[in-house]
């Protein structure tokens, strides 16, 4: 279960989950994410590096910038499953609404 700990630790900050939420809408560059999230570019870049190391995100080069998107093979289906679980079973999440 150590791999589960490492997996979920990768998501353990609000900035990383905010990045994932933005990328769920559409791909973004670091500068776009930084502006949308009102965070320093270096903080966003560091968080993206961690997410990329675990392949939560992928990137493609567009000139000098990198454009990040979610891993469609595993992370997008996982997020959909988490959303389904939360809506159906999570009593704690009901309190957050």
N, C-alpha and C. Protein backbone atom coordinates (compact mmCIF):
# COMPACT_ATOMS: atom_id res chain seq x y z
N UNK A 1 0.81 -1.21 0.00
CA UNK A 1 0.00 0.00 0.00
C UNK A 1 0.85 1.27 0.00
N UNK A 2 2.17 1.12 0.04
CA UNK A 2 3.03 2.30 -0.02
C UNK A 2 2.80 3.09 -1.30
N UNK A 3 2.52 2.37 -2.39
CA UNK A 3 2.29 3.07 -3.65
C UNK A 3 1.04 3.95 -3.56
N UNK A 4 0.04 3.52 -2.79
CA UNK A 4 -1.16 4.34 -2.59
C UNK A 4 -0.81 5.61 -1.81
N UNK A 5 0.02 5.45 -0.79
CA UNK A 5 0.45 6.63 -0.03
C UNK A 5 1.15 7.63 -0.94
N UNK A 6 2.09 7.15 -1.74
CA UNK A 6 2.82 8.04 -2.64
C UNK A 6 1.88 8.68 -3.66
N UNK A 7 0.96 7.89 -4.18
CA UNK A 7 0.00 8.40 -5.16
C UNK A 7 -0.82 9.54 -4.57
N UNK A 8 -1.40 9.32 -3.41
CA UNK A 8 -2.26 10.34 -2.81
C UNK A 8 -1.48 11.50 -2.22
N UNK A 9 -0.24 11.27 -1.79
CA UNK A 9 0.60 12.38 -1.33
C UNK A 9 0.88 13.35 -2.47
N UNK A 10 0.93 12.83 -3.69
CA UNK A 10 1.15 13.68 -4.85
C UNK A 10 0.03 14.71 -4.99
N UNK A 11 -1.15 14.37 -4.54
CA UNK A 11 -2.32 15.27 -4.63
C UNK A 11 -2.58 16.06 -3.36
N UNK A 12 -1.68 15.98 -2.40
CA UNK A 12 -1.97 16.43 -1.04
C UNK A 12 -1.94 17.94 -0.82
N UNK A 13 -1.80 18.74 -1.86
CA UNK A 13 -1.86 20.19 -1.65
C UNK A 13 -3.01 20.79 -2.44
N UNK A 14 -3.51 21.87 -1.93
CA UNK A 14 -4.62 22.56 -2.60
C UNK A 14 -4.18 23.07 -3.97
N UNK A 15 -2.94 23.52 -4.09
CA UNK A 15 -2.46 24.02 -5.37
C UNK A 15 -2.51 22.91 -6.43
N UNK A 16 -2.07 21.72 -6.08
CA UNK A 16 -2.08 20.62 -7.05
C UNK A 16 -3.50 20.23 -7.45
N UNK A 17 -4.39 20.20 -6.50
CA UNK A 17 -5.78 19.87 -6.86
C UNK A 17 -6.41 21.00 -7.67
N UNK A 18 -6.03 22.24 -7.39
CA UNK A 18 -6.53 23.36 -8.20
C UNK A 18 -6.00 23.27 -9.63
N UNK A 19 -4.74 22.89 -9.77
CA UNK A 19 -4.15 22.72 -11.10
C UNK A 19 -4.91 21.63 -11.86
N UNK A 20 -5.16 20.53 -11.20
CA UNK A 20 -5.88 19.42 -11.83
C UNK A 20 -7.28 19.86 -12.25
N UNK A 21 -7.95 20.63 -11.41
CA UNK A 21 -9.28 21.13 -11.75
C UNK A 21 -9.22 22.02 -12.99
N UNK A 22 -8.22 22.88 -13.08
CA UNK A 22 -8.07 23.74 -14.27
C UNK A 22 -7.79 22.90 -15.51
N UNK A 23 -6.91 21.91 -15.36
CA UNK A 23 -6.55 21.07 -16.51
C UNK A 23 -7.69 20.15 -16.93
N UNK A 24 -8.62 19.90 -16.02
CA UNK A 24 -9.79 19.08 -16.38
C UNK A 24 -10.64 19.84 -17.40
N UNK A 25 -10.62 21.16 -17.33
CA UNK A 25 -11.37 22.00 -18.26
C UNK A 25 -10.71 22.03 -19.64
N UNK A 26 -9.39 22.25 -19.65
CA UNK A 26 -8.64 22.32 -20.91
C UNK A 26 -7.14 22.42 -20.59
N UNK A 27 -6.29 22.13 -21.59
CA UNK A 27 -4.84 22.28 -21.39
C UNK A 27 -4.45 23.74 -21.12
N UNK A 28 -3.39 23.92 -20.36
CA UNK A 28 -2.89 25.27 -20.01
C UNK A 28 -1.38 25.28 -19.97
N UNK A 29 -0.81 26.44 -20.20
CA UNK A 29 0.61 26.65 -19.98
C UNK A 29 0.82 27.02 -18.51
N UNK A 30 2.08 27.05 -18.09
CA UNK A 30 2.39 27.44 -16.71
C UNK A 30 1.91 28.86 -16.45
N UNK A 31 2.16 29.75 -17.39
CA UNK A 31 1.74 31.15 -17.21
C UNK A 31 0.22 31.28 -17.09
N UNK A 32 -0.50 30.53 -17.91
CA UNK A 32 -1.96 30.57 -17.83
C UNK A 32 -2.45 30.05 -16.48
N UNK A 33 -1.88 28.94 -16.04
CA UNK A 33 -2.27 28.39 -14.74
C UNK A 33 -1.94 29.36 -13.61
N UNK A 34 -0.77 29.94 -13.69
CA UNK A 34 -0.35 30.91 -12.67
C UNK A 34 -1.33 32.08 -12.59
N UNK A 35 -1.75 32.58 -13.74
CA UNK A 35 -2.70 33.70 -13.76
C UNK A 35 -4.08 33.27 -13.26
N UNK A 36 -4.57 32.13 -13.72
CA UNK A 36 -5.90 31.65 -13.32
C UNK A 36 -5.96 31.38 -11.82
N UNK A 37 -4.88 30.82 -11.29
CA UNK A 37 -4.87 30.41 -9.87
C UNK A 37 -4.32 31.49 -8.95
N UNK A 38 -3.82 32.57 -9.55
CA UNK A 38 -3.23 33.67 -8.79
C UNK A 38 -2.13 33.17 -7.86
N UNK A 39 -1.24 32.40 -8.45
CA UNK A 39 -0.10 31.83 -7.74
C UNK A 39 1.17 32.20 -8.48
N UNK A 40 2.27 32.24 -7.75
CA UNK A 40 3.56 32.52 -8.37
C UNK A 40 3.88 31.44 -9.40
N UNK A 41 4.46 31.87 -10.50
CA UNK A 41 4.80 30.95 -11.57
C UNK A 41 5.70 29.83 -11.06
N UNK A 42 6.67 30.15 -10.19
CA UNK A 42 7.60 29.14 -9.69
C UNK A 42 6.88 28.07 -8.86
N UNK A 43 5.87 28.47 -8.09
CA UNK A 43 5.10 27.49 -7.30
C UNK A 43 4.30 26.57 -8.21
N UNK A 44 3.69 27.13 -9.23
CA UNK A 44 2.91 26.34 -10.19
C UNK A 44 3.83 25.39 -10.94
N UNK A 45 4.97 25.90 -11.36
CA UNK A 45 5.93 25.08 -12.10
C UNK A 45 6.43 23.91 -11.25
N UNK A 46 6.71 24.17 -9.98
CA UNK A 46 7.17 23.12 -9.07
C UNK A 46 6.08 22.06 -8.88
N UNK A 47 4.84 22.49 -8.69
CA UNK A 47 3.73 21.55 -8.52
C UNK A 47 3.53 20.72 -9.79
N UNK A 48 3.65 21.36 -10.95
CA UNK A 48 3.51 20.63 -12.21
C UNK A 48 4.63 19.61 -12.39
N UNK A 49 5.82 19.93 -11.94
CA UNK A 49 6.92 18.99 -12.03
C UNK A 49 6.60 17.73 -11.24
N UNK A 50 6.07 17.90 -10.03
CA UNK A 50 5.68 16.75 -9.21
C UNK A 50 4.56 15.95 -9.87
N UNK A 51 3.56 16.63 -10.38
CA UNK A 51 2.45 15.95 -11.06
C UNK A 51 2.93 15.23 -12.32
N UNK A 52 3.89 15.82 -13.01
CA UNK A 52 4.43 15.19 -14.21
C UNK A 52 5.29 13.97 -13.84
N UNK A 53 6.04 14.07 -12.75
CA UNK A 53 6.88 12.93 -12.32
C UNK A 53 6.03 11.70 -12.04
N UNK A 54 4.81 11.91 -11.57
CA UNK A 54 3.90 10.80 -11.29
C UNK A 54 2.95 10.55 -12.47
N UNK A 55 3.13 11.30 -13.54
CA UNK A 55 2.34 11.21 -14.78
C UNK A 55 0.85 11.47 -14.59
N UNK A 56 0.55 12.33 -13.64
CA UNK A 56 -0.82 12.82 -13.52
C UNK A 56 -1.10 13.74 -14.71
N UNK A 57 -0.05 14.44 -15.14
CA UNK A 57 -0.16 15.36 -16.27
C UNK A 57 0.88 14.99 -17.33
N UNK A 58 0.60 15.43 -18.53
CA UNK A 58 1.53 15.33 -19.65
C UNK A 58 1.73 16.74 -20.18
N UNK A 59 2.76 16.93 -20.96
CA UNK A 59 2.92 18.23 -21.60
C UNK A 59 3.41 18.04 -23.03
N UNK A 60 3.14 19.07 -23.81
CA UNK A 60 3.68 19.15 -25.17
C UNK A 60 4.31 20.53 -25.30
N UNK A 61 5.34 20.60 -26.10
CA UNK A 61 6.00 21.88 -26.31
C UNK A 61 5.28 22.64 -27.41
N UNK A 62 5.06 23.92 -27.14
CA UNK A 62 4.46 24.83 -28.11
C UNK A 62 5.39 26.04 -28.18
N UNK A 63 6.35 25.98 -29.08
CA UNK A 63 7.37 27.02 -29.12
C UNK A 63 8.25 26.89 -27.89
N UNK A 64 8.35 27.98 -27.14
CA UNK A 64 9.17 27.97 -25.92
C UNK A 64 8.41 27.51 -24.69
N UNK A 65 7.09 27.41 -24.79
CA UNK A 65 6.31 27.06 -23.60
C UNK A 65 5.87 25.61 -23.63
N UNK A 66 5.55 25.11 -22.45
CA UNK A 66 4.98 23.77 -22.31
C UNK A 66 3.49 23.93 -22.02
N UNK A 67 2.70 23.12 -22.70
CA UNK A 67 1.25 23.14 -22.47
C UNK A 67 0.89 21.82 -21.80
N UNK A 68 0.32 21.92 -20.61
CA UNK A 68 0.02 20.76 -19.78
C UNK A 68 -1.42 20.32 -19.95
N UNK A 69 -1.61 19.00 -19.87
CA UNK A 69 -2.95 18.42 -19.90
C UNK A 69 -2.95 17.21 -18.96
N UNK A 70 -4.16 16.79 -18.59
CA UNK A 70 -4.28 15.61 -17.73
C UNK A 70 -3.99 14.34 -18.50
N UNK A 71 -3.50 13.35 -17.81
CA UNK A 71 -3.29 12.01 -18.38
C UNK A 71 -4.68 11.42 -18.63
N UNK A 72 -5.04 11.34 -19.90
CA UNK A 72 -6.39 10.88 -20.28
C UNK A 72 -6.58 9.38 -20.10
N UNK A 73 -5.49 8.63 -20.10
CA UNK A 73 -5.59 7.18 -19.99
C UNK A 73 -5.98 6.73 -18.58
N UNK A 74 -5.40 7.37 -17.57
CA UNK A 74 -5.65 6.90 -16.20
C UNK A 74 -6.24 7.96 -15.27
N UNK A 75 -5.76 9.18 -15.32
CA UNK A 75 -6.18 10.18 -14.34
C UNK A 75 -7.60 10.69 -14.60
N UNK A 76 -7.94 10.96 -15.85
CA UNK A 76 -9.30 11.43 -16.14
C UNK A 76 -10.34 10.39 -15.72
N UNK A 77 -10.18 9.09 -16.08
CA UNK A 77 -11.15 8.10 -15.59
C UNK A 77 -11.17 7.99 -14.06
N UNK A 78 -10.00 8.13 -13.45
CA UNK A 78 -9.93 8.06 -11.99
C UNK A 78 -10.68 9.22 -11.36
N UNK A 79 -10.52 10.42 -11.89
CA UNK A 79 -11.24 11.59 -11.36
C UNK A 79 -12.75 11.42 -11.52
N UNK A 80 -13.15 10.85 -12.64
CA UNK A 80 -14.59 10.59 -12.85
C UNK A 80 -15.11 9.59 -11.82
N UNK A 81 -14.33 8.56 -11.54
CA UNK A 81 -14.71 7.56 -10.54
C UNK A 81 -14.77 8.17 -9.14
N UNK A 82 -13.80 9.01 -8.81
CA UNK A 82 -13.81 9.68 -7.51
C UNK A 82 -15.06 10.55 -7.38
N UNK A 83 -15.37 11.31 -8.43
CA UNK A 83 -16.57 12.15 -8.41
C UNK A 83 -17.83 11.34 -8.21
N UNK A 84 -17.91 10.21 -8.90
CA UNK A 84 -19.07 9.32 -8.75
C UNK A 84 -19.17 8.78 -7.33
N UNK A 85 -18.03 8.38 -6.76
CA UNK A 85 -18.00 7.85 -5.40
C UNK A 85 -18.46 8.92 -4.40
N UNK A 86 -17.91 10.12 -4.56
CA UNK A 86 -18.24 11.21 -3.63
C UNK A 86 -19.74 11.50 -3.66
N UNK A 87 -20.30 11.61 -4.85
CA UNK A 87 -21.73 11.91 -4.97
C UNK A 87 -22.61 10.83 -4.35
N UNK A 88 -22.18 9.59 -4.46
CA UNK A 88 -23.02 8.49 -4.01
C UNK A 88 -22.80 8.11 -2.55
N UNK A 89 -21.55 8.19 -2.07
CA UNK A 89 -21.25 7.61 -0.76
C UNK A 89 -20.67 8.56 0.30
N UNK A 90 -20.08 9.64 -0.08
CA UNK A 90 -19.28 10.43 0.87
C UNK A 90 -20.14 11.36 1.71
N UNK A 91 -20.36 10.99 2.96
CA UNK A 91 -21.14 11.82 3.87
C UNK A 91 -20.38 13.07 4.30
N UNK A 92 -19.07 12.96 4.40
CA UNK A 92 -18.25 14.12 4.78
C UNK A 92 -18.37 15.20 3.72
N UNK A 93 -18.35 14.80 2.46
CA UNK A 93 -18.44 15.76 1.36
C UNK A 93 -19.78 16.47 1.33
N UNK A 94 -20.83 15.83 1.80
CA UNK A 94 -22.14 16.47 1.88
C UNK A 94 -22.09 17.68 2.80
N UNK A 95 -21.27 17.60 3.84
CA UNK A 95 -21.15 18.72 4.79
C UNK A 95 -20.43 19.90 4.18
N UNK A 96 -19.62 19.67 3.14
CA UNK A 96 -18.85 20.74 2.51
C UNK A 96 -19.68 21.57 1.54
N UNK A 97 -20.83 21.06 1.15
CA UNK A 97 -21.67 21.75 0.15
C UNK A 97 -22.34 22.96 0.72
